[in-house]
Amino acid sequence: MRYILLHKLAFFALSVFATTTVAAQTPDTAVVPPHVKVPELGPNDTIVVHATIKGDELVPSSYMQWCWVQAPYPKELLKKRKEWTRLRNAVYVTYPYARRAGIIMNDINSKLAGITDQELRKKYIKSREAELKKEFTKPLSDLSVYQGKVLMKLINRQTGNNCYEIIKEYKGGLTARVYQTVAFFFNSNLKQPYNATGDDREIESIVLEVERMYRL
């Protein structure tokens, strides 16, 4: 059965090849469709070559052997590739945390929308804060400064709020300003926005890649 299948595939490939490439023999023996113009051969045209049908004309063709060409990678492109690889790795590491944190924070915000009493709001926030600490303190402490910057971007993407606004809502304005000062020393910014079609389009493309891969 396997031999018959291979035989049929070989016959099909040869049939397709024969329809596109023919040998440039003499006009009376070459198998050429009637609508294709065949070049006139002179008395010295005695070397048989391959020919290919281009449009309505039969033209000579030949095949070159494979050759490998190597060239130094441009420094500017090498730098760009390293930056992209670093960003891609950071997104792959931090996006699961941002996605999970976004779900929790969006749920907190939806619940807070129905609570007007300040004491009840503080009590509810404190209970959910313990949940966030339990789930994220250990893994997030292992992130690098660069990965932390990417995480803040992704949290903004998932919640629609920057990290400064989230901390201000949960912990108060003073605490948010303290965290913002700490972030400044790490060359970061809690108030940074997320623009999927602008400055953050590379992050967005990587996130979409992750979502397609894991069907999120």
C-alpha atoms as a PDB file:
ATOM      1  CA  MET A   1       0.000   0.000   0.000  1.00  0.00           C
ATOM      2  CA  ARG A   2       2.802   2.399   0.886  1.00  0.00           C
ATOM      3  CA  TYR A   3       4.592   1.625  -2.418  1.00  0.00           C
ATOM      4  CA  ILE A   4       1.405   2.286  -4.414  1.00  0.00           C
ATOM      5  CA  LEU A   5       0.832   5.603  -2.617  1.00  0.00           C
ATOM      6  CA  LEU A   6       4.403   6.753  -3.264  1.00  0.00           C
ATOM      7  CA  HIS A   7       4.093   5.690  -6.896  1.00  0.00           C
ATOM      8  CA  LYS A   8       0.906   7.753  -7.313  1.00  0.00           C
ATOM      9  CA  LEU A   9       2.482  10.790  -5.659  1.00  0.00           C
ATOM     10  CA  ALA A  10       5.531  10.552  -7.919  1.00  0.00           C
ATOM     11  CA  PHE A  11       3.310  10.265 -10.998  1.00  0.00           C
ATOM     12  CA  PHE A  12       1.279  13.313  -9.889  1.00  0.00           C
ATOM     13  CA  ALA A  13       4.449  15.384  -9.311  1.00  0.00           C
ATOM     14  CA  LEU A  14       5.801  14.464 -12.723  1.00  0.00           C
ATOM     15  CA  SER A  15       2.488  15.377 -14.326  1.00  0.00           C
ATOM     16  CA  VAL A  16       2.493  18.829 -12.721  1.00  0.00           C
ATOM     17  CA  PHE A  17       6.120  19.373 -13.700  1.00  0.00           C
ATOM     18  CA  ALA A  18       5.399  18.402 -17.288  1.00  0.00           C
ATOM     19  CA  THR A  19       2.693  21.046 -17.583  1.00  0.00           C
ATOM     20  CA  THR A  20       5.050  23.882 -16.599  1.00  0.00           C
ATOM     21  CA  THR A  21       8.482  22.845 -17.861  1.00  0.00           C
ATOM     22  CA  VAL A  22       9.249  21.111 -21.132  1.00  0.00           C
ATOM     23  CA  ALA A  23      12.404  20.391 -23.037  1.00  0.00           C
ATOM     24  CA  ALA A  24      13.170  22.836 -25.802  1.00  0.00           C
ATOM     25  CA  GLN A  25      13.419  20.268 -28.528  1.00  0.00           C
ATOM     26  CA  THR A  26      12.581  20.798 -32.142  1.00  0.00           C
ATOM     27  CA  PRO A  27       9.111  22.251 -32.688  1.00  0.00           C
ATOM     28  CA  ASP A  28       7.790  19.062 -34.249  1.00  0.00           C
ATOM     29  CA  THR A  29       8.597  16.867 -31.206  1.00  0.00           C
ATOM     30  CA  ALA A  30       8.167  19.254 -28.218  1.00  0.00           C
ATOM     31  CA  VAL A  31       4.921  18.853 -26.271  1.00  0.00           C
ATOM     32  CA  VAL A  32       3.786  22.470 -26.111  1.00  0.00           C
ATOM     33  CA  PRO A  33       0.194  23.757 -25.793  1.00  0.00           C
ATOM     34  CA  PRO A  34      -1.127  25.199 -29.049  1.00  0.00           C
ATOM     35  CA  HIS A  35      -1.480  28.740 -27.695  1.00  0.00           C
ATOM     36  CA  VAL A  36       2.191  28.944 -26.640  1.00  0.00           C
ATOM     37  CA  LYS A  37       4.566  30.635 -29.051  1.00  0.00           C
ATOM     38  CA  VAL A  38       7.583  28.454 -29.816  1.00  0.00           C
ATOM     39  CA  PRO A  39      10.827  30.251 -30.785  1.00  0.00           C
ATOM     40  CA  GLU A  40      12.205  29.535 -34.202  1.00  0.00           C
ATOM     41  CA  LEU A  41      15.404  27.493 -34.141  1.00  0.00           C
ATOM     42  CA  GLY A  42      18.346  28.347 -36.354  1.00  0.00           C
ATOM     43  CA  PRO A  43      20.775  25.923 -37.984  1.00  0.00           C
ATOM     44  CA  ASN A  44      23.215  26.250 -35.064  1.00  0.00           C
ATOM     45  CA  ASP A  45      20.615  25.727 -32.335  1.00  0.00           C
ATOM     46  CA  THR A  46      21.637  22.149 -31.566  1.00  0.00           C
ATOM     47  CA  ILE A  47      22.029  22.235 -27.751  1.00  0.00           C
ATOM     48  CA  VAL A  48      18.957  20.963 -25.919  1.00  0.00           C
ATOM     49  CA  VAL A  49      18.057  23.049 -22.872  1.00  0.00           C
ATOM     50  CA  HIS A  50      15.172  23.164 -20.448  1.00  0.00           C
ATOM     51  CA  ALA A  51      12.415  25.619 -21.162  1.00  0.00           C
ATOM     52  CA  THR A  52       9.587  27.147 -19.159  1.00  0.00           C
ATOM     53  CA  ILE A  53       6.269  28.518 -20.289  1.00  0.00           C
ATOM     54  CA  LYS A  54       5.986  32.183 -19.342  1.00  0.00           C
ATOM     55  CA  GLY A  55       2.609  33.548 -20.291  1.00  0.00           C
ATOM     56  CA  ASP A  56       2.137  32.497 -23.875  1.00  0.00           C
ATOM     57  CA  GLU A  57       5.795  32.080 -24.725  1.00  0.00           C
ATOM     58  CA  LEU A  58       8.343  29.298 -24.381  1.00  0.00           C
ATOM     59  CA  VAL A  59      11.597  30.637 -22.918  1.00  0.00           C
ATOM     60  CA  PRO A  60      14.845  28.861 -21.958  1.00  0.00           C
ATOM     61  CA  SER A  61      15.420  28.159 -18.291  1.00  0.00           C
ATOM     62  CA  SER A  62      18.115  26.613 -16.156  1.00  0.00           C
ATOM     63  CA  TYR A  63      18.691  25.664 -12.539  1.00  0.00           C
ATOM     64  CA  MET A  64      21.592  26.811 -10.396  1.00  0.00           C
ATOM     65  CA  GLN A  65      23.097  24.715  -7.658  1.00  0.00           C
ATOM     66  CA  TRP A  66      22.429  25.699  -4.054  1.00  0.00           C
ATOM     67  CA  CYS A  67      25.000  28.017  -2.524  1.00  0.00           C
ATOM     68  CA  TRP A  68      25.250  29.405   0.993  1.00  0.00           C
ATOM     69  CA  VAL A  69      26.051  33.057   1.632  1.00  0.00           C
ATOM     70  CA  GLN A  70      27.103  34.314   5.050  1.00  0.00           C
ATOM     71  CA  ALA A  71      27.460  37.910   6.144  1.00  0.00           C
ATOM     72  CA  PRO A  72      28.062  39.612   9.500  1.00  0.00           C
ATOM     73  CA  TYR A  73      24.854  40.553  11.313  1.00  0.00           C
ATOM     74  CA  PRO A  74      24.488  44.381  11.314  1.00  0.00           C
ATOM     75  CA  LYS A  75      25.192  45.794  14.761  1.00  0.00           C
ATOM     76  CA  GLU A  76      22.055  47.949  14.829  1.00  0.00           C
ATOM     77  CA  LEU A  77      19.881  44.949  13.939  1.00  0.00           C
ATOM     78  CA  LEU A  78      21.670  42.769  16.477  1.00  0.00           C
ATOM     79  CA  LYS A  79      20.973  45.360  19.173  1.00  0.00           C
ATOM     80  CA  LYS A  80      17.325  45.544  18.124  1.00  0.00           C
ATOM     81  CA  ARG A  81      17.000  41.765  18.197  1.00  0.00           C
ATOM     82  CA  LYS A  82      18.481  41.603  21.702  1.00  0.00           C
ATOM     83  CA  GLU A  83      16.073  44.301  22.900  1.00  0.00           C
ATOM     84  CA  TRP A  84      13.129  42.463  21.341  1.00  0.00           C
ATOM     85  CA  THR A  85      14.194  39.140  22.884  1.00  0.00           C
ATOM     86  CA  ARG A  86      14.533  40.758  26.296  1.00  0.00           C
ATOM     87  CA  LEU A  87      11.092  42.356  26.013  1.00  0.00           C
ATOM     88  CA  ARG A  88       9.516  39.134  24.756  1.00  0.00           C
ATOM     89  CA  ASN A  89      10.962  37.130  27.643  1.00  0.00           C
ATOM     90  CA  ALA A  90       9.739  39.756  30.133  1.00  0.00           C
ATOM     91  CA  VAL A  91       6.202  39.651  28.717  1.00  0.00           C
ATOM     92  CA  TYR A  92       6.140  35.842  28.797  1.00  0.00           C
ATOM     93  CA  VAL A  93       7.222  35.898  32.452  1.00  0.00           C
ATOM     94  CA  THR A  94       4.961  38.694  33.703  1.00  0.00           C
ATOM     95  CA  TYR A  95       1.797  38.392  31.613  1.00  0.00           C
ATOM     96  CA  PRO A  96       0.333  35.481  33.655  1.00  0.00           C
ATOM     97  CA  TYR A  97       0.727  37.591  36.826  1.00  0.00           C
ATOM     98  CA  ALA A  98      -0.776  40.665  35.169  1.00  0.00           C
ATOM     99  CA  ARG A  99      -3.684  38.638  33.838  1.00  0.00           C
ATOM    100  CA  ARG A 100      -4.446  37.092  37.225  1.00  0.00           C
ATOM    101  CA  ALA A 101      -3.951  40.401  39.074  1.00  0.00           C
ATOM    102  CA  GLY A 102      -6.194  42.128  36.537  1.00  0.00           C
ATOM    103  CA  ILE A 103      -9.001  39.658  37.204  1.00  0.00           C
ATOM    104  CA  ILE A 104      -8.750  40.221  40.966  1.00  0.00           C
ATOM    105  CA  MET A 105      -8.425  44.012  40.707  1.00  0.00           C
ATOM    106  CA  ASN A 106     -11.307  44.337  38.280  1.00  0.00           C
ATOM    107  CA  ASP A 107     -13.439  42.274  40.641  1.00  0.00           C
ATOM    108  CA  ILE A 108     -12.393  44.505  43.559  1.00  0.00           C
ATOM    109  CA  ASN A 109     -13.254  47.651  41.609  1.00  0.00           C
ATOM    110  CA  SER A 110     -16.660  46.278  40.602  1.00  0.00           C
ATOM    111  CA  LYS A 111     -17.435  45.465  44.240  1.00  0.00           C
ATOM    112  CA  LEU A 112     -16.221  48.849  45.486  1.00  0.00           C
ATOM    113  CA  ALA A 113     -18.548  50.581  43.033  1.00  0.00           C
ATOM    114  CA  GLY A 114     -21.444  49.401  45.206  1.00  0.00           C
ATOM    115  CA  ILE A 115     -19.893  50.346  48.558  1.00  0.00           C
ATOM    116  CA  THR A 116     -20.140  54.005  49.541  1.00  0.00           C
ATOM    117  CA  ASP A 117     -19.338  53.740  53.261  1.00  0.00           C
ATOM    118  CA  GLN A 118     -15.617  54.524  53.720  1.00  0.00           C
ATOM    119  CA  GLU A 119     -15.145  52.146  56.655  1.00  0.00           C
ATOM    120  CA  LEU A 120     -16.698  49.267  54.721  1.00  0.00           C
ATOM    121  CA  ARG A 121     -14.563  50.113  51.690  1.00  0.00           C
ATOM    122  CA  LYS A 122     -11.378  50.010  53.781  1.00  0.00           C
ATOM    123  CA  LYS A 123     -12.416  46.740  55.379  1.00  0.00           C
ATOM    124  CA  TYR A 124     -13.172  45.148  52.020  1.00  0.00           C
ATOM    125  CA  ILE A 125      -9.928  46.424  50.476  1.00  0.00           C
ATOM    126  CA  LYS A 126      -7.905  45.044  53.382  1.00  0.00           C
ATOM    127  CA  SER A 127      -9.462  41.593  53.001  1.00  0.00           C
ATOM    128  CA  ARG A 128      -8.696  41.494  49.277  1.00  0.00           C
ATOM    129  CA  GLU A 129      -5.208  42.922  49.835  1.00  0.00           C
ATOM    130  CA  ALA A 130      -4.348  39.833  51.862  1.00  0.00           C
ATOM    131  CA  GLU A 131      -5.412  37.718  48.883  1.00  0.00           C
ATOM    132  CA  LEU A 132      -3.149  39.671  46.526  1.00  0.00           C
ATOM    133  CA  LYS A 133      -0.169  39.437  48.906  1.00  0.00           C
ATOM    134  CA  LYS A 134      -0.591  35.702  49.388  1.00  0.00           C
ATOM    135  CA  GLU A 135      -0.706  35.027  45.674  1.00  0.00           C
ATOM    136  CA  PHE A 136       1.861  37.475  44.324  1.00  0.00           C
ATOM    137  CA  THR A 137       4.415  38.471  46.990  1.00  0.00           C
ATOM    138  CA  LYS A 138       6.794  35.549  46.455  1.00  0.00           C
ATOM    139  CA  PRO A 139       6.781  35.323  42.614  1.00  0.00           C
ATOM    140  CA  LEU A 140       6.900  39.097  42.104  1.00  0.00           C
ATOM    141  CA  SER A 141       9.850  39.479  44.470  1.00  0.00           C
ATOM    142  CA  ASP A 142      11.888  37.366  42.035  1.00  0.00           C
ATOM    143  CA  LEU A 143      11.311  39.744  39.102  1.00  0.00           C
ATOM    144  CA  SER A 144      14.029  42.035  37.807  1.00  0.00           C
ATOM    145  CA  VAL A 145      13.553  45.805  37.654  1.00  0.00           C
ATOM    146  CA  TYR A 146      13.002  45.578  33.896  1.00  0.00           C
ATOM    147  CA  GLN A 147      10.385  42.848  34.304  1.00  0.00           C
ATOM    148  CA  GLY A 148       8.697  44.979  36.975  1.00  0.00           C
ATOM    149  CA  LYS A 149       8.359  47.845  34.482  1.00  0.00           C
ATOM    150  CA  VAL A 150       6.761  45.524  31.943  1.00  0.00           C
ATOM    151  CA  LEU A 151       4.442  44.153  34.628  1.00  0.00           C
ATOM    152  CA  MET A 152       3.190  47.655  35.458  1.00  0.00           C
ATOM    153  CA  LYS A 153       2.430  48.200  31.785  1.00  0.00           C
ATOM    154  CA  LEU A 154       0.525  44.932  31.578  1.00  0.00           C
ATOM    155  CA  ILE A 155      -1.471  45.628  34.752  1.00  0.00           C
ATOM    156  CA  ASN A 156      -2.540  48.911  33.177  1.00  0.00           C
ATOM    157  CA  ARG A 157      -3.554  46.958  30.067  1.00  0.00           C
ATOM    158  CA  GLN A 158      -5.634  44.490  32.078  1.00  0.00           C
ATOM    159  CA  THR A 159      -7.346  46.994  34.375  1.00  0.00           C
ATOM    160  CA  GLY A 160      -7.407  50.270  32.450  1.00  0.00           C
ATOM    161  CA  ASN A 161      -5.730  51.979  35.421  1.00  0.00           C
ATOM    162  CA  ASN A 162      -2.071  52.701  36.023  1.00  0.00           C
ATOM    163  CA  CYS A 163      -0.375  51.297  39.105  1.00  0.00           C
ATOM    164  CA  TYR A 164      -0.328  54.693  40.835  1.00  0.00           C
ATOM    165  CA  GLU A 165      -4.123  54.955  40.657  1.00  0.00           C
ATOM    166  CA  ILE A 166      -4.533  51.386  41.916  1.00  0.00           C
ATOM    167  CA  ILE A 167      -2.222  51.918  44.900  1.00  0.00           C
ATOM    168  CA  LYS A 168      -3.859  55.262  45.665  1.00  0.00           C
ATOM    169  CA  GLU A 169      -7.288  53.595  45.714  1.00  0.00           C
ATOM    170  CA  TYR A 170      -6.216  50.669  47.874  1.00  0.00           C
ATOM    171  CA  LYS A 171      -3.614  52.226  50.180  1.00  0.00           C
ATOM    172  CA  GLY A 172      -4.153  55.982  49.989  1.00  0.00           C
ATOM    173  CA  GLY A 173      -2.458  58.918  48.302  1.00  0.00           C
ATOM    174  CA  LEU A 174       0.528  59.053  50.669  1.00  0.00           C
ATOM    175  CA  THR A 175       1.439  55.416  50.092  1.00  0.00           C
ATOM    176  CA  ALA A 176       1.055  55.886  46.335  1.00  0.00           C
ATOM    177  CA  ARG A 177       3.469  58.837  46.400  1.00  0.00           C
ATOM    178  CA  VAL A 178       5.997  56.777  48.374  1.00  0.00           C
ATOM    179  CA  TYR A 179       5.811  53.950  45.827  1.00  0.00           C
ATOM    180  CA  GLN A 180       6.124  56.472  43.007  1.00  0.00           C
ATOM    181  CA  THR A 181       9.307  57.866  44.597  1.00  0.00           C
ATOM    182  CA  VAL A 182      10.779  54.360  44.914  1.00  0.00           C
ATOM    183  CA  ALA A 183       9.880  53.647  41.289  1.00  0.00           C
ATOM    184  CA  PHE A 184      11.670  56.845  40.248  1.00  0.00           C
ATOM    185  CA  PHE A 185      14.933  55.565  41.695  1.00  0.00           C
ATOM    186  CA  PHE A 186      14.546  52.425  39.592  1.00  0.00           C
ATOM    187  CA  ASN A 187      14.125  54.580  36.474  1.00  0.00           C
ATOM    188  CA  SER A 188      10.445  53.682  36.300  1.00  0.00           C
ATOM    189  CA  ASN A 189       7.092  55.394  36.697  1.00  0.00           C
ATOM    190  CA  LEU A 190       3.909  54.104  38.301  1.00  0.00           C
ATOM    191  CA  LYS A 191       1.872  56.587  36.266  1.00  0.00           C
ATOM    192  CA  GLN A 192       3.016  55.306  32.886  1.00  0.00           C
ATOM    193  CA  PRO A 193       0.113  54.760  30.452  1.00  0.00           C
ATOM    194  CA  TYR A 194      -0.430  51.861  28.078  1.00  0.00           C
ATOM    195  CA  ASN A 195      -0.844  52.599  24.379  1.00  0.00           C
ATOM    196  CA  ALA A 196      -1.398  49.421  22.355  1.00  0.00           C
ATOM    197  CA  THR A 197      -1.092  51.214  19.021  1.00  0.00           C
ATOM    198  CA  GLY A 198       1.712  53.600  20.004  1.00  0.00           C
ATOM    199  CA  ASP A 199       4.732  53.209  22.267  1.00  0.00           C
ATOM    200  CA  ASP A 200       3.561  49.830  23.565  1.00  0.00           C
ATOM    201  CA  ARG A 201       2.706  48.195  20.234  1.00  0.00           C
ATOM    202  CA  GLU A 202       5.609  45.739  20.599  1.00  0.00           C
ATOM    203  CA  ILE A 203       4.346  44.614  24.003  1.00  0.00           C
ATOM    204  CA  GLU A 204       0.841  44.310  22.565  1.00  0.00           C
ATOM    205  CA  SER A 205       2.036  42.140  19.677  1.00  0.00           C
ATOM    206  CA  ILE A 206       3.813  39.795  22.106  1.00  0.00           C
ATOM    207  CA  VAL A 207       0.743  39.622  24.354  1.00  0.00           C
ATOM    208  CA  LEU A 208      -1.412  38.692  21.353  1.00  0.00           C
ATOM    209  CA  GLU A 209       1.165  36.040  20.481  1.00  0.00           C
ATOM    210  CA  VAL A 210       0.882  34.572  23.985  1.00  0.00           C
ATOM    211  CA  GLU A 211      -2.927  34.643  23.847  1.00  0.00           C
ATOM    212  CA  ARG A 212      -2.962  32.867  20.476  1.00  0.00           C
ATOM    213  CA  MET A 213      -0.502  30.259  21.687  1.00  0.00           C
ATOM    214  CA  TYR A 214      -2.458  29.445  24.853  1.00  0.00           C
ATOM    215  CA  ARG A 215      -5.892  30.315  23.389  1.00  0.00           C
ATOM    216  CA  LEU A 216      -6.615  32.855  26.118  1.00  0.00           C
END
